[in-house]
N, C-alpha and C. Protein backbone atom coordinates (compact mmCIF):
# COMPACT_ATOMS: atom_id res chain seq x y z
N UNK A 1 7.91 108.55 -26.81
CA UNK A 1 8.73 109.54 -28.16
C UNK A 1 8.25 109.48 -29.50
N UNK A 2 8.45 110.36 -30.39
CA UNK A 2 8.98 109.72 -31.62
C UNK A 2 10.28 109.33 -32.64
N UNK A 3 10.13 108.35 -33.05
CA UNK A 3 10.94 107.21 -33.30
C UNK A 3 11.40 107.96 -35.13
N UNK A 4 13.05 107.68 -34.97
CA UNK A 4 13.56 108.44 -36.44
C UNK A 4 12.94 107.01 -37.14
N UNK A 5 12.82 108.11 -38.36
CA UNK A 5 12.55 106.98 -39.42
C UNK A 5 13.38 106.63 -40.26
N UNK A 6 14.43 106.48 -39.98
CA UNK A 6 16.03 106.56 -40.43
C UNK A 6 16.30 105.18 -39.29
N UNK A 7 16.07 105.14 -38.26
CA UNK A 7 16.38 104.13 -37.57
C UNK A 7 14.94 102.59 -37.38
N UNK A 8 13.68 102.86 -38.28
CA UNK A 8 13.06 102.17 -38.11
C UNK A 8 13.30 100.67 -37.55
N UNK A 9 14.21 99.76 -38.79
CA UNK A 9 14.68 98.81 -39.32
C UNK A 9 15.91 98.64 -37.59
N UNK A 10 16.31 99.08 -36.57
CA UNK A 10 16.73 99.28 -35.92
C UNK A 10 15.89 99.18 -34.42
N UNK A 11 14.82 100.13 -34.38
CA UNK A 11 13.89 100.05 -33.71
C UNK A 11 13.30 98.77 -33.20
N UNK A 12 12.76 98.38 -34.81
CA UNK A 12 12.22 96.95 -34.78
C UNK A 12 13.13 95.47 -34.14
N UNK A 13 14.35 95.32 -34.14
CA UNK A 13 15.04 94.96 -33.16
C UNK A 13 15.09 95.25 -32.30
N UNK A 14 15.09 96.06 -31.47
CA UNK A 14 14.54 96.58 -30.11
C UNK A 14 13.66 96.19 -29.47
N UNK A 15 12.25 96.29 -30.30
CA UNK A 15 11.16 95.97 -29.85
C UNK A 15 10.95 94.17 -30.08
N UNK A 16 12.30 93.99 -30.45
CA UNK A 16 12.39 91.75 -30.87
C UNK A 16 13.64 91.49 -29.71
N UNK A 17 13.96 92.71 -29.11
CA UNK A 17 14.99 92.39 -27.90
C UNK A 17 16.36 91.49 -28.04
N UNK A 18 16.59 91.90 -29.60
CA UNK A 18 17.40 91.25 -30.20
C UNK A 18 18.76 92.64 -30.07
N UNK A 19 19.50 93.07 -28.92
CA UNK A 19 20.21 94.21 -28.16
C UNK A 19 20.92 94.09 -29.29
N UNK A 20 22.09 93.53 -29.22
CA UNK A 20 23.12 93.74 -29.57
C UNK A 20 22.89 93.94 -31.78
N UNK A 21 22.29 93.75 -32.04
CA UNK A 21 22.53 93.18 -33.89
C UNK A 21 21.44 94.93 -33.67
N UNK A 22 20.49 95.38 -32.96
CA UNK A 22 20.21 96.68 -33.22
C UNK A 22 20.77 97.60 -32.39
N UNK A 23 21.99 98.02 -31.43
CA UNK A 23 23.59 98.50 -31.52
C UNK A 23 24.20 98.05 -32.81
N UNK A 24 24.66 96.94 -33.61
CA UNK A 24 25.31 97.23 -34.67
C UNK A 24 25.08 97.65 -35.34
N UNK A 25 24.08 97.26 -35.78
CA UNK A 25 22.92 98.23 -37.27
C UNK A 25 23.17 99.68 -36.80
N UNK A 26 22.81 100.47 -35.51
CA UNK A 26 22.85 101.63 -34.97
C UNK A 26 23.85 102.72 -35.44
N UNK A 27 24.47 101.55 -34.87
CA UNK A 27 26.14 101.89 -34.78
C UNK A 27 27.02 102.61 -36.26
N UNK A 28 26.31 101.45 -37.13
CA UNK A 28 26.76 101.02 -38.89
C UNK A 28 26.78 102.51 -39.42
N UNK A 29 25.39 103.04 -38.97
CA UNK A 29 25.28 104.33 -39.30
C UNK A 29 24.63 106.07 -38.72
N UNK A 30 25.28 105.95 -37.40
CA UNK A 30 25.06 106.35 -36.53
C UNK A 30 26.45 107.22 -37.23
N UNK A 31 27.20 107.36 -38.04
CA UNK A 31 28.31 108.95 -38.27
C UNK A 31 27.66 109.69 -38.98
N UNK A 32 26.18 109.26 -40.19
CA UNK A 32 25.14 109.73 -41.05
C UNK A 32 24.14 110.23 -39.97
N UNK A 33 23.73 109.70 -38.89
CA UNK A 33 22.99 110.66 -39.01
C UNK A 33 22.99 111.98 -38.16
N UNK A 34 22.06 113.37 -38.16
CA UNK A 34 22.03 114.12 -37.66
C UNK A 34 20.89 115.17 -37.24
N UNK A 35 21.34 115.98 -36.16
CA UNK A 35 20.27 116.41 -35.44
C UNK A 35 18.93 115.35 -35.09
N UNK A 36 17.78 115.78 -35.72
CA UNK A 36 17.19 114.38 -34.03
C UNK A 36 17.25 113.48 -34.61
N UNK A 37 17.52 112.99 -35.61
CA UNK A 37 18.10 111.79 -35.82
C UNK A 37 18.81 110.53 -35.36
N UNK A 38 20.54 112.05 -34.66
CA UNK A 38 21.68 111.54 -34.40
C UNK A 38 20.63 111.27 -32.92
N UNK A 39 19.91 112.08 -32.38
CA UNK A 39 20.18 111.61 -30.76
C UNK A 39 19.08 111.00 -30.74
N UNK A 40 18.30 110.33 -31.72
CA UNK A 40 17.24 108.76 -31.92
C UNK A 40 18.06 107.82 -31.57
N UNK A 41 18.90 108.14 -32.26
CA UNK A 41 20.30 107.00 -32.66
C UNK A 41 20.91 106.71 -31.02
N UNK A 42 21.37 107.81 -30.71
CA UNK A 42 22.08 107.41 -28.81
C UNK A 42 21.17 107.85 -27.66
N UNK A 43 19.60 107.85 -28.36
CA UNK A 43 18.91 106.63 -27.44
C UNK A 43 18.52 105.66 -27.11
N UNK A 44 18.54 105.21 -28.49
CA UNK A 44 18.71 103.58 -29.00
C UNK A 44 19.81 102.36 -28.73
N UNK A 45 20.55 103.35 -28.55
CA UNK A 45 22.01 102.76 -28.18
C UNK A 45 22.22 103.01 -26.27
N UNK A 46 21.83 103.96 -26.05
CA UNK A 46 21.24 104.08 -24.20
C UNK A 46 20.29 102.94 -23.93
N UNK A 47 19.00 103.06 -24.77
CA UNK A 47 18.58 102.00 -24.02
C UNK A 47 18.84 100.52 -24.38
N UNK A 48 19.71 99.91 -25.35
CA UNK A 48 19.69 98.37 -25.43
C UNK A 48 21.39 98.71 -24.28
N UNK A 49 22.04 99.55 -24.17
CA UNK A 49 23.04 98.86 -22.96
C UNK A 49 22.39 99.41 -21.62
N UNK A 50 21.58 100.12 -21.66
CA UNK A 50 20.63 99.63 -20.00
C UNK A 50 20.35 98.29 -19.82
N UNK A 51 19.94 98.26 -20.79
CA UNK A 51 19.27 96.84 -20.70
C UNK A 51 20.02 95.52 -20.33
N UNK A 52 20.85 95.83 -21.37
CA UNK A 52 22.33 94.80 -21.13
C UNK A 52 23.34 94.94 -20.22
N UNK A 53 22.98 96.24 -18.88
CA UNK A 53 23.38 96.40 -17.55
C UNK A 53 25.15 96.43 -17.95
N UNK A 54 25.02 97.55 -19.23
CA UNK A 54 26.73 98.44 -19.49
C UNK A 54 26.20 99.83 -19.49
N UNK A 55 26.10 99.74 -17.83
CA UNK A 55 25.26 101.16 -16.94
C UNK A 55 26.30 102.46 -17.68
N UNK A 56 27.71 102.35 -17.67
CA UNK A 56 28.19 103.31 -17.69
C UNK A 56 27.98 103.80 -18.92
N UNK A 57 27.99 103.08 -20.33
CA UNK A 57 27.82 103.66 -21.91
C UNK A 57 26.47 103.70 -22.27
N UNK A 58 25.27 102.94 -21.02
CA UNK A 58 24.10 103.81 -21.05
C UNK A 58 24.03 105.12 -20.44
N UNK A 59 24.19 105.29 -19.63
CA UNK A 59 24.25 106.93 -18.95
C UNK A 59 25.10 107.71 -19.98
N UNK A 60 26.50 106.99 -20.44
CA UNK A 60 26.64 108.39 -21.73
C UNK A 60 26.07 108.28 -22.81
N UNK A 61 24.99 107.65 -23.54
CA UNK A 61 24.20 107.45 -24.57
C UNK A 61 23.62 108.59 -24.38
N UNK A 62 22.37 108.16 -23.27
CA UNK A 62 20.95 108.44 -23.18
C UNK A 62 21.80 110.00 -22.27
N UNK A 63 22.91 110.39 -21.45
CA UNK A 63 23.04 111.87 -21.49
C UNK A 63 22.77 113.04 -23.03
N UNK A 64 23.43 112.02 -23.95
CA UNK A 64 23.72 112.88 -25.23
C UNK A 64 22.09 112.59 -25.63
N UNK A 65 21.29 111.47 -25.27
CA UNK A 65 20.34 111.76 -26.47
C UNK A 65 19.08 112.78 -25.50
N UNK A 66 19.54 112.95 -24.55
CA UNK A 66 18.58 113.75 -23.20
C UNK A 66 19.07 115.18 -24.16
N UNK A 67 20.50 116.07 -24.14
CA UNK A 67 20.25 116.90 -24.98
C UNK A 67 19.32 117.76 -25.43
N UNK A 68 18.76 118.86 -24.66
CA UNK A 68 17.79 119.71 -25.28
C UNK A 68 16.30 119.21 -25.42
N UNK A 69 16.86 118.14 -24.48
CA UNK A 69 15.77 117.37 -24.58
C UNK A 69 14.09 117.91 -23.38
N UNK A 70 12.50 117.73 -23.53
CA UNK A 70 11.92 118.06 -22.86
C UNK A 70 10.88 117.21 -22.92
N UNK A 71 10.75 115.58 -23.25
CA UNK A 71 10.58 114.72 -22.97
C UNK A 71 11.05 114.18 -21.58
N UNK A 72 10.20 114.39 -20.53
CA UNK A 72 10.72 113.18 -19.06
C UNK A 72 11.52 112.08 -19.30
N UNK A 73 10.64 110.85 -20.61
CA UNK A 73 10.49 109.86 -20.66
C UNK A 73 12.56 109.98 -21.00
N UNK A 74 13.14 110.75 -22.02
CA UNK A 74 14.79 110.87 -22.05
C UNK A 74 15.62 111.08 -20.64
N UNK A 75 14.75 111.85 -19.57
CA UNK A 75 15.54 112.41 -18.74
C UNK A 75 15.72 111.34 -17.59
N UNK A 76 14.60 110.50 -17.72
CA UNK A 76 14.41 109.41 -16.57
C UNK A 76 15.51 108.63 -17.13
N UNK A 77 15.48 108.09 -18.30
CA UNK A 77 16.45 107.46 -18.47
C UNK A 77 18.14 107.32 -18.02
N UNK A 78 18.26 108.97 -18.04
CA UNK A 78 19.22 109.15 -17.38
C UNK A 78 19.70 108.68 -16.11
N UNK A 79 18.34 109.74 -15.18
CA UNK A 79 18.13 109.53 -13.44
C UNK A 79 19.13 107.79 -13.33
N UNK A 80 17.77 106.62 -14.11
CA UNK A 80 17.50 104.78 -13.70
C UNK A 80 19.50 104.73 -13.88
N UNK A 81 19.66 105.81 -14.99
CA UNK A 81 20.88 104.51 -15.61
C UNK A 81 22.33 105.40 -14.41
N UNK A 82 22.27 106.63 -14.73
CA UNK A 82 23.02 107.21 -13.26
C UNK A 82 23.35 106.50 -11.33
N UNK A 83 21.75 105.66 -11.34
CA UNK A 83 22.21 104.93 -10.00
C UNK A 83 22.39 103.96 -10.31
N UNK A 84 21.76 103.50 -10.89
CA UNK A 84 23.11 102.08 -11.51
C UNK A 84 24.86 102.24 -11.77
N UNK A 85 24.81 103.55 -12.77
CA UNK A 85 26.12 103.25 -12.82
C UNK A 85 26.62 104.10 -11.03
N UNK A 86 26.58 104.13 -10.09
CA UNK A 86 26.54 104.77 -8.92
C UNK A 86 26.82 106.19 -8.78
N UNK A 87 26.31 107.05 -9.54
CA UNK A 87 26.10 109.06 -9.98
C UNK A 87 24.77 108.83 -9.09
N UNK A 88 24.55 108.79 -7.74
CA UNK A 88 23.14 108.74 -7.36
C UNK A 88 22.89 111.01 -7.43
N UNK A 89 23.56 111.28 -7.02
CA UNK A 89 23.52 113.07 -7.44
C UNK A 89 23.20 112.46 -8.82
N UNK A 90 24.01 112.47 -9.72
CA UNK A 90 23.39 113.03 -11.04
C UNK A 90 21.76 112.14 -11.37
N UNK A 91 22.38 111.00 -10.54
CA UNK A 91 20.00 110.63 -11.02
C UNK A 91 19.06 111.44 -10.04
N UNK A 92 19.75 112.55 -9.45
CA UNK A 92 18.83 112.81 -8.44
C UNK A 92 18.57 113.97 -9.32
N UNK A 93 19.82 115.15 -9.49
CA UNK A 93 19.60 116.33 -10.90
C UNK A 93 18.89 115.67 -11.75
N UNK A 94 18.80 114.41 -12.92
CA UNK A 94 17.83 114.20 -13.64
C UNK A 94 16.71 113.97 -13.20
N UNK A 95 16.34 113.43 -12.27
CA UNK A 95 14.80 113.01 -12.09
C UNK A 95 14.53 114.34 -11.59
N UNK A 96 14.55 115.49 -10.86
CA UNK A 96 14.31 116.82 -11.15
C UNK A 96 13.57 117.21 -12.25
N UNK A 97 14.48 116.99 -13.24
CA UNK A 97 14.36 117.43 -14.82
C UNK A 97 13.14 116.34 -15.51
N UNK A 98 12.73 115.37 -14.93
CA UNK A 98 11.97 114.97 -15.01
C UNK A 98 10.21 115.25 -14.70
N UNK A 99 10.02 115.63 -13.69
CA UNK A 99 9.44 116.58 -12.86
C UNK A 99 9.05 118.02 -13.40
N UNK A 100 10.25 118.28 -14.27
CA UNK A 100 9.97 119.58 -14.75
C UNK A 100 8.95 119.27 -15.72
N UNK A 101 9.44 118.65 -16.65
CA UNK A 101 9.14 117.72 -17.81
C UNK A 101 7.50 118.01 -17.78
N UNK A 102 7.38 117.11 -16.92
CA UNK A 102 6.12 116.78 -16.56
C UNK A 102 5.31 118.39 -16.77
N UNK A 103 5.70 119.16 -15.38
CA UNK A 103 5.09 120.27 -14.95
C UNK A 103 4.65 120.99 -15.98
N UNK A 104 5.75 120.97 -17.15
CA UNK A 104 6.16 121.97 -18.26
C UNK A 104 4.80 121.55 -19.19
N UNK A 105 4.71 120.79 -20.05
CA UNK A 105 4.20 120.20 -20.74
C UNK A 105 2.26 119.86 -20.43
N UNK A 106 2.46 120.38 -22.01
CA UNK A 106 0.58 121.15 -21.31
C UNK A 106 -0.40 119.49 -21.36
N UNK A 107 -0.18 118.56 -21.83
CA UNK A 107 -0.96 117.30 -20.76
C UNK A 107 0.12 116.30 -20.55
N UNK A 108 -0.01 115.55 -19.62
CA UNK A 108 1.14 114.65 -18.85
C UNK A 108 1.78 113.38 -19.93
N UNK A 109 2.41 114.21 -20.08
CA UNK A 109 3.59 112.42 -20.61
C UNK A 109 3.64 111.45 -20.63
N UNK A 110 3.15 110.49 -21.74
CA UNK A 110 3.31 108.93 -20.97
C UNK A 110 4.55 109.15 -20.31
N UNK A 111 4.71 108.00 -19.64
CA UNK A 111 3.71 107.28 -18.75
C UNK A 111 3.34 107.47 -17.66
N UNK A 112 3.39 109.00 -17.05
CA UNK A 112 2.47 109.50 -15.66
C UNK A 112 4.32 109.82 -14.98
N UNK A 113 4.03 110.60 -14.41
CA UNK A 113 4.52 110.85 -13.38
C UNK A 113 5.18 109.78 -12.20
N UNK A 114 3.58 108.86 -11.71
CA UNK A 114 3.56 108.44 -10.95
C UNK A 114 4.44 106.99 -10.99
N UNK A 115 4.27 106.70 -12.18
CA UNK A 115 5.11 105.67 -12.78
C UNK A 115 6.38 105.77 -12.73
N UNK A 116 6.69 106.76 -12.88
CA UNK A 116 8.21 107.41 -13.14
C UNK A 116 9.00 107.68 -11.69
N UNK A 117 8.01 108.09 -10.92
CA UNK A 117 8.95 107.83 -9.72
C UNK A 117 8.69 106.69 -9.42
N UNK A 118 7.82 105.52 -9.48
CA UNK A 118 7.89 104.28 -9.17
C UNK A 118 8.66 103.71 -9.19
N UNK A 119 9.58 103.52 -11.07
CA UNK A 119 10.27 102.71 -11.72
C UNK A 119 12.26 103.73 -11.31
N UNK A 120 11.80 104.90 -10.41
CA UNK A 120 12.96 105.60 -9.91
C UNK A 120 13.54 105.03 -9.02
N UNK A 121 12.46 104.49 -8.06
CA UNK A 121 12.49 104.45 -6.41
C UNK A 121 12.85 102.77 -6.74
N UNK A 122 11.54 102.06 -7.70
CA UNK A 122 13.08 100.62 -7.82
C UNK A 122 14.05 100.65 -8.01
N UNK A 123 14.51 101.59 -8.95
CA UNK A 123 16.39 101.36 -9.04
C UNK A 123 16.88 101.63 -7.81
N UNK A 124 15.98 102.64 -6.91
CA UNK A 124 16.79 103.17 -6.07
C UNK A 124 17.51 101.88 -4.80
N UNK A 125 16.16 100.95 -4.86
CA UNK A 125 15.92 100.09 -3.90
C UNK A 125 17.21 99.45 -4.42
N UNK A 126 17.05 98.57 -5.39
CA UNK A 126 18.32 97.48 -6.16
C UNK A 126 19.94 98.03 -5.69
N UNK A 127 19.94 99.74 -5.47
CA UNK A 127 21.39 100.09 -5.05
C UNK A 127 21.16 100.71 -3.85
N UNK A 128 20.11 99.83 -3.29
CA UNK A 128 20.41 100.35 -1.83
C UNK A 128 20.70 102.25 -1.43
N UNK A 129 19.80 102.62 -2.05
CA UNK A 129 19.90 103.85 -2.10
C UNK A 129 18.97 104.89 -0.94
N UNK A 130 18.55 104.47 0.15
CA UNK A 130 17.36 104.57 1.58
C UNK A 130 17.48 105.55 1.26
N UNK A 131 17.81 107.02 1.60
CA UNK A 131 17.23 108.26 2.03
C UNK A 131 16.52 108.92 0.68
N UNK A 132 17.21 109.11 -0.63
CA UNK A 132 16.14 109.08 -1.16
C UNK A 132 15.18 108.19 -1.63
N UNK A 133 15.53 107.14 -1.67
CA UNK A 133 14.07 106.23 -1.70
C UNK A 133 12.56 106.82 -0.79
N UNK A 134 12.69 106.49 1.14
CA UNK A 134 11.81 107.06 1.09
C UNK A 134 10.72 108.57 1.09
N UNK A 135 11.63 108.80 0.12
CA UNK A 135 10.47 110.74 0.91
C UNK A 135 9.51 110.08 -0.98
N UNK A 136 9.92 108.71 -1.91
CA UNK A 136 9.01 108.68 -2.65
C UNK A 136 8.40 107.27 -2.18
N UNK A 137 8.19 107.32 -1.77
CA UNK A 137 7.32 105.81 -0.80
C UNK A 137 6.22 106.44 -0.56
N UNK A 138 6.64 107.72 -0.12
CA UNK A 138 5.56 108.26 1.26
C UNK A 138 4.66 109.34 -0.08
N UNK A 139 5.12 110.08 -0.95
CA UNK A 139 4.66 110.32 -2.46
C UNK A 139 3.48 109.33 -2.68
N UNK A 140 4.24 108.06 -3.33
CA UNK A 140 3.01 107.22 -3.82
C UNK A 140 2.12 107.06 -2.65
N UNK A 141 2.34 106.55 -1.98
CA UNK A 141 1.20 106.03 -1.04
C UNK A 141 0.28 107.50 -0.13
N UNK A 142 0.59 108.92 -0.65
CA UNK A 142 -0.09 110.00 -0.39
C UNK A 142 -0.95 110.01 -1.82
N UNK A 143 -0.68 109.68 -2.86
CA UNK A 143 -1.79 109.32 -4.14
C UNK A 143 -2.41 108.29 -3.82
N UNK A 144 -1.98 107.31 -3.38
CA UNK A 144 -3.27 106.21 -3.45
C UNK A 144 -3.94 106.58 -2.66
N UNK A 145 -3.67 107.88 -1.14
CA UNK A 145 -4.46 107.70 -0.47
C UNK A 145 -5.80 108.67 -0.73
N UNK A 146 -5.57 109.91 -1.76
CA UNK A 146 -6.06 110.34 -2.69
C UNK A 146 -6.92 110.02 -4.32
N UNK A 147 -6.46 108.85 -4.15
CA UNK A 147 -7.34 108.50 -5.69
C UNK A 147 -8.59 107.08 -4.65
N UNK A 148 -8.34 106.98 -3.58
CA UNK A 148 -8.94 105.74 -2.36
C UNK A 148 -8.91 104.56 -2.87
N UNK A 149 -9.43 104.53 -4.61
CA UNK A 149 -9.87 102.95 -5.51
C UNK A 149 -8.59 102.62 -5.88
N UNK A 150 -8.09 101.45 -5.62
CA UNK A 150 -7.26 100.23 -5.58
C UNK A 150 -7.17 99.90 -6.56
N UNK A 151 -8.20 99.64 -7.46
CA UNK A 151 -9.25 98.35 -8.32
C UNK A 151 -7.80 98.68 -9.41
N UNK A 152 -6.95 97.76 -9.92
CA UNK A 152 -5.72 97.69 -10.63
C UNK A 152 -6.03 98.24 -12.08
N UNK A 153 -7.25 98.26 -12.48
CA UNK A 153 -7.59 98.46 -14.09
C UNK A 153 -7.80 100.26 -13.86
N UNK A 154 -8.68 100.57 -12.89
CA UNK A 154 -8.25 102.21 -12.25
C UNK A 154 -7.11 102.32 -12.18
N UNK A 155 -6.27 101.81 -11.49
CA UNK A 155 -4.80 103.02 -11.19
C UNK A 155 -4.09 102.48 -12.53
N UNK A 156 -4.65 101.70 -13.12
CA UNK A 156 -3.50 101.49 -14.63
C UNK A 156 -3.89 102.71 -15.45
N UNK A 157 -5.25 103.21 -15.40
CA UNK A 157 -5.73 104.34 -16.29
C UNK A 157 -5.12 105.11 -16.16
N UNK A 158 -5.13 105.50 -15.01
CA UNK A 158 -4.53 106.55 -14.88
C UNK A 158 -2.96 107.03 -14.90
N UNK A 159 -1.89 105.96 -15.13
CA UNK A 159 -0.92 105.39 -15.31
C UNK A 159 -0.19 106.08 -14.37
N UNK A 160 -0.72 105.17 -12.50
CA UNK A 160 -0.20 104.53 -11.83
C UNK A 160 0.23 103.14 -11.94
N UNK A 161 1.52 103.15 -11.22
CA UNK A 161 2.01 101.71 -10.81
C UNK A 161 1.17 100.67 -9.95
N UNK A 162 0.76 99.81 -9.99
CA UNK A 162 -0.14 98.69 -9.24
C UNK A 162 -0.31 98.78 -7.77
N UNK A 163 -0.99 99.01 -7.50
CA UNK A 163 -0.76 99.08 -5.30
C UNK A 163 0.50 97.38 -4.78
N UNK A 164 -0.71 96.00 -6.03
CA UNK A 164 0.47 95.33 -5.17
C UNK A 164 1.97 95.64 -5.65
N UNK A 165 2.58 96.28 -7.26
CA UNK A 165 3.85 96.66 -6.98
C UNK A 165 4.33 97.58 -5.93
N UNK A 166 3.80 98.67 -5.63
CA UNK A 166 4.19 99.61 -4.57
C UNK A 166 4.33 99.07 -2.83
N UNK A 167 3.74 98.19 -3.14
CA UNK A 167 3.44 97.47 -1.85
C UNK A 167 4.57 96.32 -1.55
N UNK A 168 5.13 95.45 -2.69
CA UNK A 168 5.73 94.93 -3.12
C UNK A 168 7.49 95.91 -2.24
N UNK A 169 7.88 96.72 -3.51
CA UNK A 169 8.55 98.05 -3.21
C UNK A 169 9.03 97.99 -1.96
N UNK A 170 7.64 98.69 -1.04
CA UNK A 170 7.50 99.29 0.67
C UNK A 170 8.18 98.07 0.85
N UNK A 171 7.61 96.93 0.63
CA UNK A 171 7.88 96.37 2.40
C UNK A 171 9.79 95.23 1.78
N UNK A 172 10.25 95.64 0.18
CA UNK A 172 11.24 95.32 0.72
C UNK A 172 12.10 96.84 0.89
N UNK A 173 11.79 97.37 1.01
CA UNK A 173 12.90 98.58 1.82
C UNK A 173 12.53 98.63 3.32
N UNK A 174 11.46 98.45 3.69
CA UNK A 174 11.07 98.13 5.04
C UNK A 174 12.17 97.16 6.28
N UNK A 175 11.95 96.26 5.08
CA UNK A 175 13.08 94.98 5.59
C UNK A 175 14.59 95.48 5.03
N UNK A 176 14.54 95.73 4.12
CA UNK A 176 16.18 95.31 4.22
C UNK A 176 16.67 96.99 5.20
N UNK A 177 16.13 98.12 5.49
CA UNK A 177 16.56 99.50 6.02
C UNK A 177 15.39 100.15 6.89
N UNK A 178 14.23 100.25 6.70
CA UNK A 178 12.95 100.91 7.81
C UNK A 178 13.13 100.20 9.05
N UNK A 179 13.11 98.92 8.67
CA UNK A 179 12.54 98.22 10.06
C UNK A 179 11.25 98.03 10.07
N UNK A 180 10.49 96.85 11.02
CA UNK A 180 9.00 96.71 10.79
C UNK A 180 8.92 97.14 11.49
N UNK A 181 8.51 97.78 12.53
CA UNK A 181 7.74 98.50 13.15
C UNK A 181 7.41 99.97 12.43
N UNK A 182 8.54 100.79 11.44
CA UNK A 182 7.81 101.53 10.57
C UNK A 182 7.37 101.04 9.55
N UNK A 183 8.05 100.02 8.81
CA UNK A 183 7.37 99.37 7.72
C UNK A 183 5.54 99.15 8.39
N UNK A 184 5.43 98.18 9.05
CA UNK A 184 4.16 98.21 9.44
C UNK A 184 2.90 100.12 9.59
N UNK A 185 4.01 100.70 10.30
CA UNK A 185 2.53 101.86 10.65
C UNK A 185 2.69 102.49 9.08
N UNK A 186 3.64 102.22 8.63
CA UNK A 186 3.76 102.60 7.46
C UNK A 186 2.40 102.28 6.42
N UNK A 187 2.67 100.80 6.43
CA UNK A 187 1.51 100.03 6.28
C UNK A 187 0.24 100.05 6.71
N UNK A 188 -0.28 100.65 7.78
CA UNK A 188 -1.64 101.02 8.25
C UNK A 188 -2.56 102.36 8.15
N UNK A 189 -0.98 102.77 8.05
CA UNK A 189 -1.19 104.64 7.40
C UNK A 189 -2.52 104.75 6.23
N UNK A 190 -1.22 103.51 5.37
CA UNK A 190 -1.76 103.25 3.86
C UNK A 190 -3.54 103.31 3.70
N UNK A 191 -3.51 101.74 4.36
CA UNK A 191 -4.35 100.73 4.81
C UNK A 191 -6.07 101.59 5.31
N UNK A 192 -5.93 103.09 5.75
CA UNK A 192 -6.82 103.63 6.26
C UNK A 192 -7.48 104.49 5.45
N UNK A 193 -6.11 104.86 4.40
CA UNK A 193 -7.12 106.07 3.76
C UNK A 193 -6.92 105.07 1.92
N UNK A 194 -7.50 104.16 1.99
CA UNK A 194 -7.92 103.90 0.51
C UNK A 194 -9.21 101.97 0.73
N UNK A 195 -9.22 101.61 -0.11
CA UNK A 195 -10.65 100.64 -0.03
C UNK A 195 -10.80 99.41 0.41
N UNK A 196 -11.16 98.83 0.72
CA UNK A 196 -11.24 97.77 1.09
C UNK A 196 -10.23 96.39 0.53
N UNK A 197 -10.03 96.33 -0.84
CA UNK A 197 -9.52 95.51 -1.70
C UNK A 197 -7.65 96.17 -0.99
N UNK A 198 -7.57 97.34 -0.99
CA UNK A 198 -6.16 97.57 -0.57
C UNK A 198 -5.62 97.55 0.82
N UNK A 199 -7.08 97.94 1.34
CA UNK A 199 -6.60 97.82 2.70
C UNK A 199 -5.90 96.73 2.91
N UNK A 200 -6.79 95.32 2.32
CA UNK A 200 -6.23 93.94 2.70
C UNK A 200 -5.10 93.64 2.23
N UNK A 201 -4.65 94.12 1.27
CA UNK A 201 -3.50 93.62 0.01
C UNK A 201 -2.33 94.79 1.57
N UNK A 202 -2.51 95.89 1.94
CA UNK A 202 -1.31 96.37 2.59
C UNK A 202 -1.57 95.53 4.23
N UNK A 203 -2.45 94.76 4.39
CA UNK A 203 -2.42 93.88 5.77
C UNK A 203 -1.40 92.97 5.52
N UNK A 204 -2.32 92.09 4.52
CA UNK A 204 -0.60 90.86 4.02
C UNK A 204 1.01 91.68 4.05
N UNK A 205 0.75 92.46 3.92
CA UNK A 205 2.05 93.40 3.14
C UNK A 205 3.03 93.47 5.14
N UNK A 206 1.81 93.58 5.42
CA UNK A 206 2.44 94.01 7.47
C UNK A 206 2.41 92.32 8.02
N UNK A 207 1.88 91.57 7.30
CA UNK A 207 2.14 89.52 7.67
C UNK A 207 3.51 89.70 6.94
N UNK A 208 3.72 90.15 5.90
CA UNK A 208 5.16 89.69 5.26
C UNK A 208 6.09 89.73 6.27
N UNK A 209 6.17 91.28 6.02
CA UNK A 209 6.86 92.13 7.24
C UNK A 209 7.59 90.98 8.13
N UNK A 210 6.12 90.98 8.96
CA UNK A 210 6.39 89.87 10.39
C UNK A 210 6.83 88.68 9.98
N UNK A 211 6.32 88.26 8.90
CA UNK A 211 7.52 87.09 8.89
C UNK A 211 9.18 86.94 8.78
N UNK A 212 9.50 88.45 8.12
CA UNK A 212 10.61 88.41 8.60
C UNK A 212 11.38 88.62 9.27
N UNK A 213 10.43 89.34 10.15
CA UNK A 213 10.85 89.35 11.96
C UNK A 213 11.50 88.21 12.29
N UNK A 214 10.27 87.12 11.91
CA UNK A 214 9.85 86.38 13.10
C UNK A 214 11.28 85.62 12.28
N UNK A 215 11.59 85.55 11.38
CA UNK A 215 12.66 84.24 10.42
C UNK A 215 13.91 84.64 10.95
N UNK A 216 14.40 86.11 11.45
CA UNK A 216 15.68 86.32 12.16
C UNK A 216 15.64 85.98 13.20
N UNK A 217 14.54 86.36 14.33
CA UNK A 217 14.20 85.77 15.60
C UNK A 217 15.06 84.40 15.75
């Protein structure tokens, strides 16, 4: 997304992870900003708050930033902040807007819907929101099987999460909620539709599930 020229210095502080200073300097001029500049100011404040785990503040700011926005990244910010703030239904609604923005765009918006699905699923997992997480894992599995090739450089160019990251998320889900048998079946199905390297990674993930089951026994 395009950054406001009025906030160049504040965004530089954000990029340097100086979030307190970025917020302080943005708030100092927020009342002087209008239209797109004001929207970008709210976006910056929301992103800082999110990274500082100030979830309610992040949600409030990011909702203001996405008003009238057709940028999927704005809506993703709302979805992630809503889940972390305990407002899962709002998060789901915001993520539907992510999908709508991606479908309406002439060209796929960065970073791409599949990375956005992964990031949303990751936050759902952290929040132990299992029901909406499972179909997202199925969606990612289907994409990997359609691609077949799981080479890291290849999937990165396509705007996909690395297979290793998706497998780690799946293992977390099945350990915590889905169960070992269901997890092993899910991973075997994935392995059957990808290349040898991806299949080996899935088999290792099955081993991790087995170790978890053994440690509980």
